[in-house]
Amino acid sequence: MGSETIVLLSSREIEKMRCAGRLAAELLHHLEKMVQPGISTLELNDEAESWTRSHGAKSAPLGYHGFPKSICTSVNEVVCHGIPNAKQVLKEGDIINIDVTPTLDGYHGDTSKTFFVGTPSPSAKKLVEITEECLRRGIAQVKPGARIGDIGAEIQEYAESQGFSVVRDFVGHGVSNVFHTAPQIPHYGTRGKGKRLRSGMVFTIEPMINEGTWEVEVLADKWTAVTKDRKLSAQFEHTIAVTDSGVELLTLREEEAHLQFAS
C-alpha cells in the first residue's frame, strides 16, 4: 500500500488534485451514456483510454502492478478490479461499477460509480442506493480531529442496518502523485479509533457493499475479486481532501452538485 507516512498536501498540490479529480468525474459522466445492454466492457475501456489521452492525461491503472487495462469494470458479483474484455457484454438488469483513475500533471483523480444497465431488479436497485448512501455517510464524518475509525463505523452501521455486509479485504487509501499511499481507510470499524484526520490529508472513501456475505475471493487472473457466495456487490468512490472546516470532494460529479456532504 505504499509508505506508512501520511503526507499532508500543500494548497498547490490540492489544486492539482482538484484538476485531476474534475477530469475523473467528467470521464465517468462521459462513459455513462455508453452503459447500455449490448456494449462490451472492452468498448468502455477503449473509449475511456481514448478520452483520457485526448484530455492530456494518462490512465493510472494501465500497467499498474501488471494490470492490463485502463479502467476497472466490475459487473454484478464482481466486487472490484474486474478486467474489461470483449466477451463480457452488458445485459439488461446488470449492475456495473466503473472505476477510473486518470493522472493529470502527475496527480491522480480516483473515483467510481455503480451504474444500472437498463432497469435493475428491486434488490439490485436497493443495494446500489444503499451503497451510495454509505459513501455519503462516510464522507460526512470527515473533519479535522475526527478519526479514521469514525468513517468505517458509520458505513458499517448503516450497511448492516439495511441487511447488507461490508467488504473487509479492500479499503480506501491515501492518494496524490502516488496512486496508493497511507492512510488506509477501512469501511468498517470502531468510532474513536485510528489516526486523527488533519487538514491537507487526501484519500479515497470507496465502500464495497455486498448483498450476502462480506467475504470475497480473487479469481485465477489474480485481479478480479468476486463475492464468495456470488451474490451482488456494489461500490461508489470519491477522492476527498480534509479541509480546515470539514471536507472537499475532489471528484464530485455534476449530478451531485446539490448534495451536502460536509459535517
Protein backbone atom coordinates (compact mmCIF):
# COMPACT_ATOMS: atom_id res chain seq x y z
CA MET A 1 0.00 0.00 0.00
CA GLY A 2 2.97 2.35 -0.16
CA SER A 3 4.67 4.03 2.78
CA GLU A 4 3.11 4.38 6.21
CA THR A 5 3.88 8.09 6.41
CA ILE A 6 0.82 10.26 5.87
CA VAL A 7 1.77 13.21 3.70
CA LEU A 8 -0.23 16.43 4.07
CA LEU A 9 -0.67 18.09 0.67
CA SER A 10 0.06 21.76 0.10
CA SER A 11 -2.57 24.07 -1.36
CA ARG A 12 -0.69 23.88 -4.69
CA GLU A 13 -0.84 20.08 -4.64
CA ILE A 14 -4.52 20.08 -3.68
CA GLU A 15 -5.23 22.33 -6.66
CA LYS A 16 -3.54 19.72 -8.89
CA MET A 17 -5.68 17.05 -7.23
CA ARG A 18 -8.77 19.18 -7.94
CA CYS A 19 -7.90 19.29 -11.64
CA ALA A 20 -7.32 15.52 -11.79
CA GLY A 21 -10.46 14.89 -9.77
CA ARG A 22 -12.59 17.03 -12.05
CA LEU A 23 -11.26 15.13 -15.05
CA ALA A 24 -12.08 11.79 -13.40
CA ALA A 25 -15.65 12.94 -12.69
CA GLU A 26 -16.05 14.09 -16.30
CA LEU A 27 -14.73 10.74 -17.56
CA LEU A 28 -17.34 8.80 -15.56
CA HIS A 29 -20.04 11.15 -16.84
CA HIS A 30 -18.78 10.61 -20.41
CA LEU A 31 -18.89 6.82 -20.08
CA GLU A 32 -22.35 6.76 -18.50
CA LYS A 33 -24.22 7.19 -21.79
CA MET A 34 -22.43 4.11 -23.18
CA VAL A 35 -23.68 1.87 -20.36
CA GLN A 36 -26.40 0.03 -22.28
CA PRO A 37 -27.30 -3.61 -22.98
CA GLY A 38 -25.12 -4.95 -25.80
CA ILE A 39 -21.94 -2.98 -25.07
CA SER A 40 -18.80 -4.85 -24.06
CA THR A 41 -16.63 -3.85 -21.13
CA LEU A 42 -13.70 -3.65 -23.57
CA GLU A 43 -15.55 -0.96 -25.55
CA LEU A 44 -15.96 1.04 -22.33
CA ASN A 45 -12.26 0.59 -21.61
CA ASP A 46 -11.15 1.68 -25.06
CA GLU A 47 -13.36 4.77 -25.01
CA ALA A 48 -12.01 5.69 -21.56
CA GLU A 49 -8.41 5.34 -22.76
CA SER A 50 -9.04 7.41 -25.89
CA TRP A 51 -10.93 10.13 -23.96
CA THR A 52 -8.26 10.29 -21.25
CA ARG A 53 -5.44 10.73 -23.77
CA SER A 54 -7.39 13.36 -25.69
CA HIS A 55 -7.58 15.37 -22.44
CA GLY A 56 -3.81 15.28 -21.92
CA ALA A 57 -3.95 12.68 -19.17
CA LYS A 58 -2.88 9.06 -18.62
CA SER A 59 -4.77 6.05 -17.24
CA ALA A 60 -3.10 5.15 -13.94
CA PRO A 61 -4.43 1.55 -13.81
CA LEU A 62 -2.87 0.63 -17.18
CA GLY A 63 0.22 -1.43 -16.34
CA TYR A 64 -0.09 -0.76 -12.59
CA HIS A 65 1.46 -3.88 -11.00
CA GLY A 66 0.71 -5.51 -14.34
CA PHE A 67 -2.99 -4.59 -14.58
CA PRO A 68 -3.74 -4.97 -18.32
CA LYS A 69 -6.43 -2.32 -18.93
CA SER A 70 -7.18 1.38 -18.39
CA ILE A 71 -10.25 1.11 -16.11
CA CYS A 72 -11.83 -1.50 -13.84
CA THR A 73 -15.27 -2.81 -14.86
CA SER A 74 -16.89 -4.86 -12.11
CA VAL A 75 -20.20 -6.45 -13.11
CA ASN A 76 -22.78 -7.99 -10.72
CA GLU A 77 -20.94 -10.33 -8.30
CA VAL A 78 -17.53 -8.76 -9.10
CA VAL A 79 -16.52 -6.67 -6.09
CA CYS A 80 -13.62 -4.78 -7.70
CA HIS A 81 -10.74 -4.95 -10.19
CA GLY A 82 -12.79 -6.53 -12.98
CA ILE A 83 -10.74 -6.60 -16.19
CA PRO A 84 -12.53 -5.26 -19.30
CA ASN A 85 -12.78 -7.77 -22.11
CA ALA A 86 -14.51 -8.19 -25.46
CA LYS A 87 -16.51 -11.25 -24.43
CA GLN A 88 -18.16 -9.57 -21.46
CA VAL A 89 -21.23 -7.92 -22.95
CA LEU A 90 -23.60 -6.00 -20.66
CA LYS A 91 -27.15 -7.24 -20.48
CA GLU A 92 -30.47 -5.85 -19.25
CA GLY A 93 -30.61 -5.81 -15.46
CA ASP A 94 -26.85 -5.95 -14.83
CA ILE A 95 -25.10 -3.56 -12.48
CA ILE A 96 -21.58 -2.39 -13.31
CA ASN A 97 -19.06 -0.45 -11.27
CA ILE A 98 -16.71 1.61 -13.42
CA ASP A 99 -13.56 2.71 -11.59
CA VAL A 100 -11.39 5.34 -13.29
CA THR A 101 -8.13 6.98 -12.30
CA PRO A 102 -6.74 9.45 -14.81
CA THR A 103 -3.45 11.12 -13.89
CA LEU A 104 -3.12 14.74 -14.90
CA ASP A 105 0.17 16.59 -14.39
CA GLY A 106 1.27 13.60 -12.29
CA TYR A 107 -1.67 13.68 -9.84
CA HIS A 108 -4.43 11.07 -9.56
CA GLY A 109 -8.20 11.54 -9.72
CA ASP A 110 -9.68 8.30 -8.38
CA THR A 111 -13.44 7.72 -8.48
CA SER A 112 -16.04 5.08 -9.25
CA LYS A 113 -19.77 4.68 -9.62
CA THR A 114 -22.11 1.71 -9.96
CA PHE A 115 -24.44 2.06 -12.96
CA PHE A 116 -27.64 0.25 -13.85
CA VAL A 117 -27.76 -1.47 -17.23
CA GLY A 118 -31.34 -0.91 -18.34
CA THR A 119 -33.80 -1.50 -15.49
CA PRO A 120 -32.42 -3.12 -12.33
CA SER A 121 -34.25 -5.62 -10.15
CA PRO A 122 -35.68 -4.13 -6.94
CA SER A 123 -32.98 -5.91 -4.89
CA ALA A 124 -30.15 -4.61 -7.11
CA LYS A 125 -31.62 -1.10 -7.01
CA LYS A 126 -31.73 -1.17 -3.21
CA LEU A 127 -28.15 -2.43 -2.93
CA VAL A 128 -26.81 0.31 -5.20
CA GLU A 129 -28.78 3.07 -3.48
CA ILE A 130 -27.67 1.92 -0.02
CA THR A 131 -24.03 1.74 -1.19
CA GLU A 132 -24.14 5.32 -2.45
CA GLU A 133 -25.68 6.41 0.84
CA CYS A 134 -22.87 4.57 2.68
CA LEU A 135 -20.34 6.69 0.81
CA ARG A 136 -22.23 9.89 1.65
CA ARG A 137 -22.43 8.96 5.32
CA GLY A 138 -18.75 8.08 5.42
CA ILE A 139 -17.78 11.40 3.85
CA ALA A 140 -19.95 13.27 6.35
CA GLN A 141 -17.70 12.00 9.17
CA VAL A 142 -14.65 13.74 7.73
CA LYS A 143 -13.34 16.83 9.53
CA PRO A 144 -10.13 17.77 11.32
CA GLY A 145 -9.82 15.93 14.64
CA ALA A 146 -12.16 13.09 13.68
CA ARG A 147 -10.65 9.61 13.50
CA ILE A 148 -10.34 7.19 10.61
CA GLY A 149 -12.44 4.65 12.55
CA ASP A 150 -15.38 7.10 12.56
CA ILE A 151 -15.69 6.74 8.77
CA GLY A 152 -15.78 2.94 8.74
CA ALA A 153 -18.06 2.69 11.77
CA GLU A 154 -20.66 4.96 10.15
CA ILE A 155 -20.58 2.97 6.89
CA GLN A 156 -20.72 -0.41 8.62
CA GLU A 157 -23.57 0.55 10.95
CA TYR A 158 -25.70 1.83 8.09
CA ALA A 159 -24.96 -1.03 5.65
CA GLU A 160 -25.64 -3.71 8.25
CA SER A 161 -28.82 -1.96 9.43
CA GLN A 162 -30.09 -2.36 5.85
CA GLY A 163 -29.26 -6.08 5.74
CA PHE A 164 -26.04 -5.79 3.71
CA SER A 165 -22.38 -6.52 4.50
CA VAL A 166 -19.15 -4.53 4.13
CA VAL A 167 -16.13 -5.93 2.29
CA ARG A 168 -13.06 -6.11 4.56
CA ASP A 169 -10.38 -7.11 2.06
CA PHE A 170 -10.21 -3.81 0.17
CA VAL A 171 -10.04 -0.34 1.69
CA GLY A 172 -9.76 3.31 0.77
CA HIS A 173 -6.29 4.83 0.59
CA GLY A 174 -4.24 8.00 0.51
CA VAL A 175 -3.76 9.36 -3.00
CA SER A 176 -1.70 12.20 -4.50
CA ASN A 177 1.07 11.98 -7.08
CA VAL A 178 1.25 8.41 -5.71
CA PHE A 179 -1.66 6.09 -6.63
CA HIS A 180 -1.93 4.23 -3.29
CA THR A 181 -0.33 5.52 -0.10
CA ALA A 182 -1.09 5.98 3.60
CA PRO A 183 -3.51 6.16 5.26
CA GLN A 184 -5.65 3.09 4.71
CA ILE A 185 -9.38 3.84 5.13
CA PRO A 186 -11.37 0.73 6.15
CA HIS A 187 -15.12 0.85 5.53
CA TYR A 188 -15.83 -0.93 8.82
CA GLY A 189 -14.51 -0.27 12.30
CA THR A 190 -14.93 1.45 15.62
CA ARG A 191 -15.61 5.09 16.37
CA GLY A 192 -12.79 6.92 18.09
CA LYS A 193 -10.14 4.50 16.78
CA GLY A 194 -7.44 5.08 14.17
CA LYS A 195 -5.39 8.10 13.24
CA ARG A 196 -6.77 11.60 13.63
CA LEU A 197 -7.75 13.42 10.45
CA ARG A 198 -5.81 16.59 9.68
CA SER A 199 -6.29 19.34 7.13
CA GLY A 200 -4.29 18.50 4.00
CA MET A 201 -4.90 14.76 4.12
CA VAL A 202 -6.25 13.45 0.81
CA PHE A 203 -7.67 9.95 0.46
CA THR A 204 -10.40 7.85 -1.11
CA ILE A 205 -13.51 6.51 0.55
CA GLU A 206 -14.80 3.62 -1.57
CA PRO A 207 -17.17 1.25 0.25
CA MET A 208 -17.86 -2.10 -1.38
CA ILE A 209 -21.20 -3.38 -0.09
CA ASN A 210 -22.43 -6.95 -0.65
CA GLU A 211 -25.89 -8.46 -0.82
CA GLY A 212 -24.76 -11.60 1.04
CA THR A 213 -21.53 -12.41 2.85
CA TRP A 214 -18.73 -9.84 3.06
CA GLU A 215 -16.23 -12.50 2.08
CA VAL A 216 -14.57 -12.34 -1.33
CA GLU A 217 -12.24 -14.45 -3.42
CA VAL A 218 -9.81 -13.46 -6.15
CA LEU A 219 -10.06 -15.35 -9.44
CA ALA A 220 -7.20 -17.05 -11.30
CA ASP A 221 -6.38 -13.84 -13.22
CA LYS A 222 -5.04 -12.53 -9.85
CA TRP A 223 -7.16 -9.36 -10.12
CA THR A 224 -10.90 -10.00 -10.33
CA ALA A 225 -12.41 -10.12 -6.83
CA VAL A 226 -15.86 -11.72 -6.55
CA THR A 227 -18.27 -12.30 -3.70
CA LYS A 228 -17.72 -15.73 -2.18
CA ASP A 229 -21.45 -16.54 -2.48
CA ARG A 230 -21.67 -14.93 -5.96
CA LYS A 231 -24.36 -12.52 -4.82
CA LEU A 232 -24.30 -8.90 -5.99
CA SER A 233 -21.78 -6.28 -4.89
CA ALA A 234 -21.83 -2.50 -5.46
CA GLN A 235 -19.29 0.27 -4.91
CA PHE A 236 -19.01 4.06 -5.04
CA GLU A 237 -15.78 6.02 -4.59
CA HIS A 238 -14.74 9.63 -4.17
CA THR A 239 -11.37 11.25 -3.58
CA ILE A 240 -11.68 13.76 -0.76
CA ALA A 241 -9.50 16.35 0.96
CA VAL A 242 -9.71 17.17 4.65
CA THR A 243 -10.04 20.96 4.96
CA ASP A 244 -9.80 23.34 7.91
CA SER A 245 -13.60 23.35 8.17
CA GLY A 246 -14.53 19.82 7.06
CA VAL A 247 -14.21 18.10 3.72
CA GLU A 248 -13.92 18.86 0.00
CA LEU A 249 -14.94 16.31 -2.64
CA LEU A 250 -12.32 16.42 -5.38
CA THR A 251 -14.21 14.06 -7.71
CA LEU A 252 -17.72 15.48 -7.32
CA ARG A 253 -19.86 14.80 -10.41
CA GLU A 254 -22.21 17.37 -11.92
CA GLU A 255 -25.32 15.45 -10.90
CA GLU A 256 -24.15 15.56 -7.25
CA ALA A 257 -23.60 19.31 -7.08
CA HIS A 258 -26.73 19.75 -4.95
CA LEU A 259 -25.58 17.29 -2.29
CA GLN A 260 -24.41 18.49 1.09
CA PHE A 261 -21.61 16.20 2.28
CA ALA A 262 -19.81 18.29 4.86
CA SER A 263 -20.38 17.63 8.55
